[in-house]
Amino acid sequence: MTLSEIKSIKDGRTPESMNELLSRQIEHIDAKIDEWVRARKLLLTLSQTISSALGVNEEEITVQSLPAQAIVLGDLNNYSKGRNDYDAFLTFYKTTNKKYPDLDLNYPVWGLFSQERIKRGDWVWPERYYFYNPEGPDQRPAALYAIGYTRGGYGQTNELYPRMIDYINKNGLEICGDTYEEYPLNELTVHNDKDYLIRAMITVCEKK
């Protein structure tokens, strides 16, 4: 409050006016608390994403059992009539904002591929987009994932998926669910846009 505002309140103070003023200030503080809590959740997610990529062996493929995690999952992307991945990306933001107007959309967005897409070697443009958000209404399910890494720009995974599929086939596993493609080290941390760290997580299970 400015000094002139304080003087005006002081000169005209009554129990009723002071009580109303305090109520307004409480509402203002509550709004600020909500804003800071949302900001903390975003920063924590960004920090955890970067931390998850530090020190990883980029040449190694591992199989890990991961817990479920809250995400915001978009609709199926539409690539008809000359639309590309950027068009689908913008549509994802628009539809998500319309569907969840109170949800923070500042989280990094990644791509999802169905098992059919990965099996037939179609892994350039994502089938859907998603992002992690503690308040997300959807889930990346708890499952067994084959996890691999490569370096490149967005969508440059031609080397990674054949290597991962070969590993899966040679280790008594099979693809049995969606693939989650993430960029834990991207323009936020890396100068060269051809040197982002790409992480693919393919849902697998024991071969029957």
C-alpha atoms as a PDB file:
ATOM      1  CA  MET A   1       0.000   0.000   0.000  1.00  0.00           C
ATOM      2  CA  THR A   2       1.176   3.521  -0.730  1.00  0.00           C
ATOM      3  CA  LEU A   3       1.635   6.089   2.027  1.00  0.00           C
ATOM      4  CA  SER A   4      -1.340   8.070   0.736  1.00  0.00           C
ATOM      5  CA  GLU A   5      -3.508   4.938   0.903  1.00  0.00           C
ATOM      6  CA  ILE A   6      -2.364   4.245   4.456  1.00  0.00           C
ATOM      7  CA  LYS A   7      -3.143   7.862   5.457  1.00  0.00           C
ATOM      8  CA  SER A   8      -6.606   7.655   3.904  1.00  0.00           C
ATOM      9  CA  ILE A   9      -7.357   4.436   5.772  1.00  0.00           C
ATOM     10  CA  LYS A  10      -6.002   5.862   9.018  1.00  0.00           C
ATOM     11  CA  ASP A  11      -8.038   9.063   8.757  1.00  0.00           C
ATOM     12  CA  GLY A  12     -11.302   7.301   7.951  1.00  0.00           C
ATOM     13  CA  ARG A  13     -10.888   4.114   9.943  1.00  0.00           C
ATOM     14  CA  THR A  14     -13.836   2.336  11.521  1.00  0.00           C
ATOM     15  CA  PRO A  15     -14.180  -1.245  12.757  1.00  0.00           C
ATOM     16  CA  GLU A  16     -16.198  -2.097   9.650  1.00  0.00           C
ATOM     17  CA  SER A  17     -13.808  -0.507   7.152  1.00  0.00           C
ATOM     18  CA  MET A  18     -10.777  -2.086   8.810  1.00  0.00           C
ATOM     19  CA  ASN A  19     -12.400  -5.518   8.831  1.00  0.00           C
ATOM     20  CA  GLU A  20     -13.225  -5.162   5.117  1.00  0.00           C
ATOM     21  CA  LEU A  21      -9.650  -4.089   4.406  1.00  0.00           C
ATOM     22  CA  LEU A  22      -8.216  -7.080   6.263  1.00  0.00           C
ATOM     23  CA  SER A  23     -10.516  -9.449   4.350  1.00  0.00           C
ATOM     24  CA  ARG A  24      -9.315  -8.010   1.036  1.00  0.00           C
ATOM     25  CA  GLN A  25      -5.688  -8.375   2.088  1.00  0.00           C
ATOM     26  CA  ILE A  26      -6.246 -12.012   3.094  1.00  0.00           C
ATOM     27  CA  GLU A  27      -7.751 -12.710  -0.336  1.00  0.00           C
ATOM     28  CA  HIS A  28      -4.762 -11.004  -1.972  1.00  0.00           C
ATOM     29  CA  ILE A  29      -2.305 -13.099   0.046  1.00  0.00           C
ATOM     30  CA  ASP A  30      -4.229 -16.318  -0.681  1.00  0.00           C
ATOM     31  CA  ALA A  31      -4.029 -15.568  -4.410  1.00  0.00           C
ATOM     32  CA  LYS A  32      -0.279 -14.992  -4.102  1.00  0.00           C
ATOM     33  CA  ILE A  33       0.120 -18.260  -2.182  1.00  0.00           C
ATOM     34  CA  ASP A  34      -1.716 -20.156  -4.959  1.00  0.00           C
ATOM     35  CA  GLU A  35       0.507 -18.468  -7.556  1.00  0.00           C
ATOM     36  CA  TRP A  36       3.703 -19.408  -5.722  1.00  0.00           C
ATOM     37  CA  VAL A  37       2.544 -22.976  -5.103  1.00  0.00           C
ATOM     38  CA  ARG A  38       1.844 -23.407  -8.831  1.00  0.00           C
ATOM     39  CA  ALA A  39       5.217 -21.870  -9.684  1.00  0.00           C
ATOM     40  CA  ARG A  40       6.977 -24.202  -7.240  1.00  0.00           C
ATOM     41  CA  LYS A  41       5.309 -27.274  -8.781  1.00  0.00           C
ATOM     42  CA  LEU A  42       6.467 -26.177 -12.232  1.00  0.00           C
ATOM     43  CA  LEU A  43      10.047 -25.469 -11.138  1.00  0.00           C
ATOM     44  CA  LEU A  44      10.205 -28.726  -9.203  1.00  0.00           C
ATOM     45  CA  THR A  45       9.058 -30.691 -12.261  1.00  0.00           C
ATOM     46  CA  LEU A  46      11.638 -28.944 -14.461  1.00  0.00           C
ATOM     47  CA  SER A  47      14.382 -29.611 -11.914  1.00  0.00           C
ATOM     48  CA  GLN A  48      13.423 -33.269 -11.561  1.00  0.00           C
ATOM     49  CA  THR A  49      13.372 -33.663 -15.355  1.00  0.00           C
ATOM     50  CA  ILE A  50      16.891 -32.278 -15.690  1.00  0.00           C
ATOM     51  CA  SER A  51      18.164 -34.279 -12.702  1.00  0.00           C
ATOM     52  CA  SER A  52      16.788 -37.495 -14.205  1.00  0.00           C
ATOM     53  CA  ALA A  53      19.113 -37.038 -17.199  1.00  0.00           C
ATOM     54  CA  LEU A  54      22.318 -36.138 -15.389  1.00  0.00           C
ATOM     55  CA  GLY A  55      24.932 -38.873 -15.397  1.00  0.00           C
ATOM     56  CA  VAL A  56      22.933 -41.356 -17.471  1.00  0.00           C
ATOM     57  CA  ASN A  57      24.778 -43.776 -19.731  1.00  0.00           C
ATOM     58  CA  GLU A  58      23.519 -42.639 -23.121  1.00  0.00           C
ATOM     59  CA  GLU A  59      24.699 -45.817 -24.838  1.00  0.00           C
ATOM     60  CA  GLU A  60      22.950 -48.175 -22.430  1.00  0.00           C
ATOM     61  CA  ILE A  61      19.403 -49.475 -22.664  1.00  0.00           C
ATOM     62  CA  THR A  62      17.813 -50.388 -19.351  1.00  0.00           C
ATOM     63  CA  VAL A  63      14.546 -51.989 -18.309  1.00  0.00           C
ATOM     64  CA  GLN A  64      12.871 -50.364 -15.324  1.00  0.00           C
ATOM     65  CA  SER A  65       9.605 -50.724 -13.476  1.00  0.00           C
ATOM     66  CA  LEU A  66       8.248 -47.191 -13.115  1.00  0.00           C
ATOM     67  CA  PRO A  67       5.336 -45.988 -10.987  1.00  0.00           C
ATOM     68  CA  ALA A  68       2.344 -44.194 -12.445  1.00  0.00           C
ATOM     69  CA  GLN A  69       2.773 -40.474 -12.981  1.00  0.00           C
ATOM     70  CA  ALA A  70       0.195 -37.740 -13.492  1.00  0.00           C
ATOM     71  CA  ILE A  71       0.137 -36.263 -16.986  1.00  0.00           C
ATOM     72  CA  VAL A  72      -2.065 -34.184 -19.247  1.00  0.00           C
ATOM     73  CA  LEU A  73      -2.683 -36.243 -22.388  1.00  0.00           C
ATOM     74  CA  GLY A  74      -3.880 -34.633 -25.598  1.00  0.00           C
ATOM     75  CA  ASP A  75      -6.260 -35.983 -28.199  1.00  0.00           C
ATOM     76  CA  LEU A  76      -5.075 -37.905 -31.260  1.00  0.00           C
ATOM     77  CA  ASN A  77      -3.082 -35.576 -33.498  1.00  0.00           C
ATOM     78  CA  ASN A  78      -4.538 -34.690 -36.870  1.00  0.00           C
ATOM     79  CA  TYR A  79      -2.014 -34.725 -39.716  1.00  0.00           C
ATOM     80  CA  SER A  80      -4.514 -34.614 -42.565  1.00  0.00           C
ATOM     81  CA  LYS A  81      -4.678 -31.924 -45.286  1.00  0.00           C
ATOM     82  CA  GLY A  82      -1.006 -31.022 -45.063  1.00  0.00           C
ATOM     83  CA  ARG A  83      -0.953 -30.442 -41.310  1.00  0.00           C
ATOM     84  CA  ASN A  84       2.414 -31.094 -39.659  1.00  0.00           C
ATOM     85  CA  ASP A  85       3.651 -31.711 -36.131  1.00  0.00           C
ATOM     86  CA  TYR A  86       3.781 -27.992 -35.334  1.00  0.00           C
ATOM     87  CA  ASP A  87       0.131 -27.569 -36.339  1.00  0.00           C
ATOM     88  CA  ALA A  88      -0.739 -30.508 -34.087  1.00  0.00           C
ATOM     89  CA  PHE A  89       1.361 -28.988 -31.300  1.00  0.00           C
ATOM     90  CA  LEU A  90      -0.568 -25.686 -31.449  1.00  0.00           C
ATOM     91  CA  THR A  91      -3.866 -27.545 -31.529  1.00  0.00           C
ATOM     92  CA  PHE A  92      -2.805 -29.486 -28.439  1.00  0.00           C
ATOM     93  CA  TYR A  93      -2.265 -26.230 -26.536  1.00  0.00           C
ATOM     94  CA  LYS A  94      -5.540 -24.702 -27.694  1.00  0.00           C
ATOM     95  CA  THR A  95      -7.684 -27.735 -26.912  1.00  0.00           C
ATOM     96  CA  THR A  96      -5.958 -28.361 -23.571  1.00  0.00           C
ATOM     97  CA  ASN A  97      -6.429 -24.744 -22.513  1.00  0.00           C
ATOM     98  CA  LYS A  98     -10.109 -24.927 -23.485  1.00  0.00           C
ATOM     99  CA  LYS A  99     -10.588 -28.256 -21.720  1.00  0.00           C
ATOM    100  CA  TYR A 100      -8.670 -27.316 -18.561  1.00  0.00           C
ATOM    101  CA  PRO A 101      -8.738 -23.496 -18.317  1.00  0.00           C
ATOM    102  CA  ASP A 102      -7.327 -23.480 -14.774  1.00  0.00           C
ATOM    103  CA  LEU A 103      -4.430 -25.830 -15.515  1.00  0.00           C
ATOM    104  CA  ASP A 104      -0.855 -24.539 -15.807  1.00  0.00           C
ATOM    105  CA  LEU A 105       0.299 -25.141 -19.410  1.00  0.00           C
ATOM    106  CA  ASN A 106       3.924 -24.048 -18.936  1.00  0.00           C
ATOM    107  CA  TYR A 107       5.254 -27.596 -18.584  1.00  0.00           C
ATOM    108  CA  PRO A 108       7.481 -29.121 -21.310  1.00  0.00           C
ATOM    109  CA  VAL A 109       5.480 -31.050 -23.895  1.00  0.00           C
ATOM    110  CA  TRP A 110       6.558 -34.510 -25.075  1.00  0.00           C
ATOM    111  CA  GLY A 111       5.292 -37.029 -27.629  1.00  0.00           C
ATOM    112  CA  LEU A 112       3.446 -40.340 -27.316  1.00  0.00           C
ATOM    113  CA  PHE A 113       3.502 -43.166 -29.898  1.00  0.00           C
ATOM    114  CA  SER A 114       1.266 -46.233 -29.868  1.00  0.00           C
ATOM    115  CA  GLN A 115       2.856 -49.685 -29.973  1.00  0.00           C
ATOM    116  CA  GLU A 116       1.548 -50.139 -33.519  1.00  0.00           C
ATOM    117  CA  ARG A 117       3.392 -47.012 -34.653  1.00  0.00           C
ATOM    118  CA  ILE A 118       6.688 -48.103 -33.092  1.00  0.00           C
ATOM    119  CA  LYS A 119       6.414 -51.647 -34.436  1.00  0.00           C
ATOM    120  CA  ARG A 120       5.965 -50.440 -38.001  1.00  0.00           C
ATOM    121  CA  GLY A 121       8.789 -47.903 -37.729  1.00  0.00           C
ATOM    122  CA  ASP A 122       6.602 -44.789 -37.802  1.00  0.00           C
ATOM    123  CA  TRP A 123       8.138 -42.614 -35.097  1.00  0.00           C
ATOM    124  CA  VAL A 124       8.578 -39.165 -36.651  1.00  0.00           C
ATOM    125  CA  TRP A 125       5.441 -37.244 -35.654  1.00  0.00           C
ATOM    126  CA  PRO A 126       3.841 -38.120 -32.301  1.00  0.00           C
ATOM    127  CA  GLU A 127       0.425 -39.695 -32.167  1.00  0.00           C
ATOM    128  CA  ARG A 128      -0.410 -37.532 -29.163  1.00  0.00           C
ATOM    129  CA  TYR A 129       1.257 -34.880 -27.049  1.00  0.00           C
ATOM    130  CA  TYR A 130       1.441 -34.887 -23.255  1.00  0.00           C
ATOM    131  CA  PHE A 131       3.150 -33.188 -20.366  1.00  0.00           C
ATOM    132  CA  TYR A 132       3.776 -34.045 -16.744  1.00  0.00           C
ATOM    133  CA  ASN A 133       1.732 -32.064 -14.237  1.00  0.00           C
ATOM    134  CA  PRO A 134       1.046 -33.007 -10.596  1.00  0.00           C
ATOM    135  CA  GLU A 135      -2.565 -31.952 -11.159  1.00  0.00           C
ATOM    136  CA  GLY A 136      -2.919 -33.773 -14.486  1.00  0.00           C
ATOM    137  CA  PRO A 137      -6.151 -35.745 -14.971  1.00  0.00           C
ATOM    138  CA  ASP A 138      -4.434 -38.582 -16.892  1.00  0.00           C
ATOM    139  CA  GLN A 139      -1.623 -41.017 -16.097  1.00  0.00           C
ATOM    140  CA  ARG A 140       1.462 -42.484 -17.613  1.00  0.00           C
ATOM    141  CA  PRO A 141       0.700 -45.966 -16.273  1.00  0.00           C
ATOM    142  CA  ALA A 142       2.812 -47.950 -13.869  1.00  0.00           C
ATOM    143  CA  ALA A 143       4.578 -50.462 -16.085  1.00  0.00           C
ATOM    144  CA  LEU A 144       7.835 -52.019 -17.216  1.00  0.00           C
ATOM    145  CA  TYR A 145       9.697 -49.728 -19.603  1.00  0.00           C
ATOM    146  CA  ALA A 146      12.702 -50.196 -21.857  1.00  0.00           C
ATOM    147  CA  ILE A 147      14.544 -46.880 -21.641  1.00  0.00           C
ATOM    148  CA  GLY A 148      17.099 -45.600 -24.132  1.00  0.00           C
ATOM    149  CA  TYR A 149      18.806 -42.323 -25.038  1.00  0.00           C
ATOM    150  CA  THR A 150      20.220 -40.541 -28.035  1.00  0.00           C
ATOM    151  CA  ARG A 151      21.308 -37.046 -29.013  1.00  0.00           C
ATOM    152  CA  GLY A 152      19.653 -34.938 -31.679  1.00  0.00           C
ATOM    153  CA  GLY A 153      16.999 -32.359 -32.416  1.00  0.00           C
ATOM    154  CA  TYR A 154      13.276 -32.805 -32.007  1.00  0.00           C
ATOM    155  CA  GLY A 155      12.113 -35.920 -33.833  1.00  0.00           C
ATOM    156  CA  GLN A 156      15.628 -37.141 -34.687  1.00  0.00           C
ATOM    157  CA  THR A 157      15.268 -40.656 -33.307  1.00  0.00           C
ATOM    158  CA  ASN A 158      16.061 -42.794 -36.364  1.00  0.00           C
ATOM    159  CA  GLU A 159      19.059 -44.309 -34.612  1.00  0.00           C
ATOM    160  CA  LEU A 160      17.420 -44.874 -31.245  1.00  0.00           C
ATOM    161  CA  TYR A 161      14.292 -46.915 -31.932  1.00  0.00           C
ATOM    162  CA  PRO A 162      15.884 -49.652 -34.105  1.00  0.00           C
ATOM    163  CA  ARG A 163      18.539 -50.097 -31.414  1.00  0.00           C
ATOM    164  CA  MET A 164      15.880 -50.352 -28.705  1.00  0.00           C
ATOM    165  CA  ILE A 165      13.690 -52.758 -30.680  1.00  0.00           C
ATOM    166  CA  ASP A 166      16.706 -54.980 -31.286  1.00  0.00           C
ATOM    167  CA  TYR A 167      17.460 -54.959 -27.548  1.00  0.00           C
ATOM    168  CA  ILE A 168      13.847 -55.790 -26.687  1.00  0.00           C
ATOM    169  CA  ASN A 169      13.746 -58.725 -29.107  1.00  0.00           C
ATOM    170  CA  LYS A 170      17.064 -60.134 -27.883  1.00  0.00           C
ATOM    171  CA  ASN A 171      16.118 -59.997 -24.203  1.00  0.00           C
ATOM    172  CA  GLY A 172      12.893 -61.987 -24.168  1.00  0.00           C
ATOM    173  CA  LEU A 173      10.643 -58.941 -24.157  1.00  0.00           C
ATOM    174  CA  GLU A 174       7.958 -57.533 -26.401  1.00  0.00           C
ATOM    175  CA  ILE A 175       6.327 -54.160 -26.876  1.00  0.00           C
ATOM    176  CA  CYS A 176       2.972 -54.154 -25.136  1.00  0.00           C
ATOM    177  CA  GLY A 177       2.001 -50.515 -24.726  1.00  0.00           C
ATOM    178  CA  ASP A 178       2.682 -46.906 -25.600  1.00  0.00           C
ATOM    179  CA  THR A 179       6.052 -45.219 -26.009  1.00  0.00           C
ATOM    180  CA  TYR A 180       6.792 -41.928 -24.260  1.00  0.00           C
ATOM    181  CA  GLU A 181       9.400 -39.748 -25.992  1.00  0.00           C
ATOM    182  CA  GLU A 182      10.945 -37.002 -23.871  1.00  0.00           C
ATOM    183  CA  TYR A 183      13.659 -34.349 -24.144  1.00  0.00           C
ATOM    184  CA  PRO A 184      14.972 -33.918 -20.589  1.00  0.00           C
ATOM    185  CA  LEU A 185      17.874 -31.790 -21.851  1.00  0.00           C
ATOM    186  CA  ASN A 186      16.546 -29.391 -24.470  1.00  0.00           C
ATOM    187  CA  GLU A 187      16.721 -25.656 -25.251  1.00  0.00           C
ATOM    188  CA  LEU A 188      16.441 -24.890 -21.551  1.00  0.00           C
ATOM    189  CA  THR A 189      19.877 -26.395 -20.871  1.00  0.00           C
ATOM    190  CA  VAL A 190      21.614 -27.085 -24.212  1.00  0.00           C
ATOM    191  CA  HIS A 191      22.951 -24.476 -26.671  1.00  0.00           C
ATOM    192  CA  ASN A 192      23.015 -26.627 -29.811  1.00  0.00           C
ATOM    193  CA  ASP A 193      19.510 -27.631 -30.939  1.00  0.00           C
ATOM    194  CA  LYS A 194      20.967 -30.720 -32.631  1.00  0.00           C
ATOM    195  CA  ASP A 195      22.418 -31.972 -29.343  1.00  0.00           C
ATOM    196  CA  TYR A 196      19.341 -32.334 -27.148  1.00  0.00           C
ATOM    197  CA  LEU A 197      19.159 -35.466 -25.009  1.00  0.00           C
ATOM    198  CA  ILE A 198      16.246 -37.638 -26.145  1.00  0.00           C
ATOM    199  CA  ARG A 199      14.798 -40.318 -23.888  1.00  0.00           C
ATOM    200  CA  ALA A 200      12.418 -42.979 -25.192  1.00  0.00           C
ATOM    201  CA  MET A 201      10.452 -45.150 -22.777  1.00  0.00           C
ATOM    202  CA  ILE A 202       8.822 -48.135 -24.502  1.00  0.00           C
ATOM    203  CA  THR A 203       6.255 -50.128 -22.529  1.00  0.00           C
ATOM    204  CA  VAL A 204       7.394 -53.767 -22.525  1.00  0.00           C
ATOM    205  CA  CYS A 205       6.470 -57.090 -20.961  1.00  0.00           C
ATOM    206  CA  GLU A 206       7.896 -60.591 -20.850  1.00  0.00           C
ATOM    207  CA  LYS A 207       7.449 -62.370 -24.169  1.00  0.00           C
ATOM    208  CA  LYS A 208       4.789 -65.065 -23.919  1.00  0.00           C
END
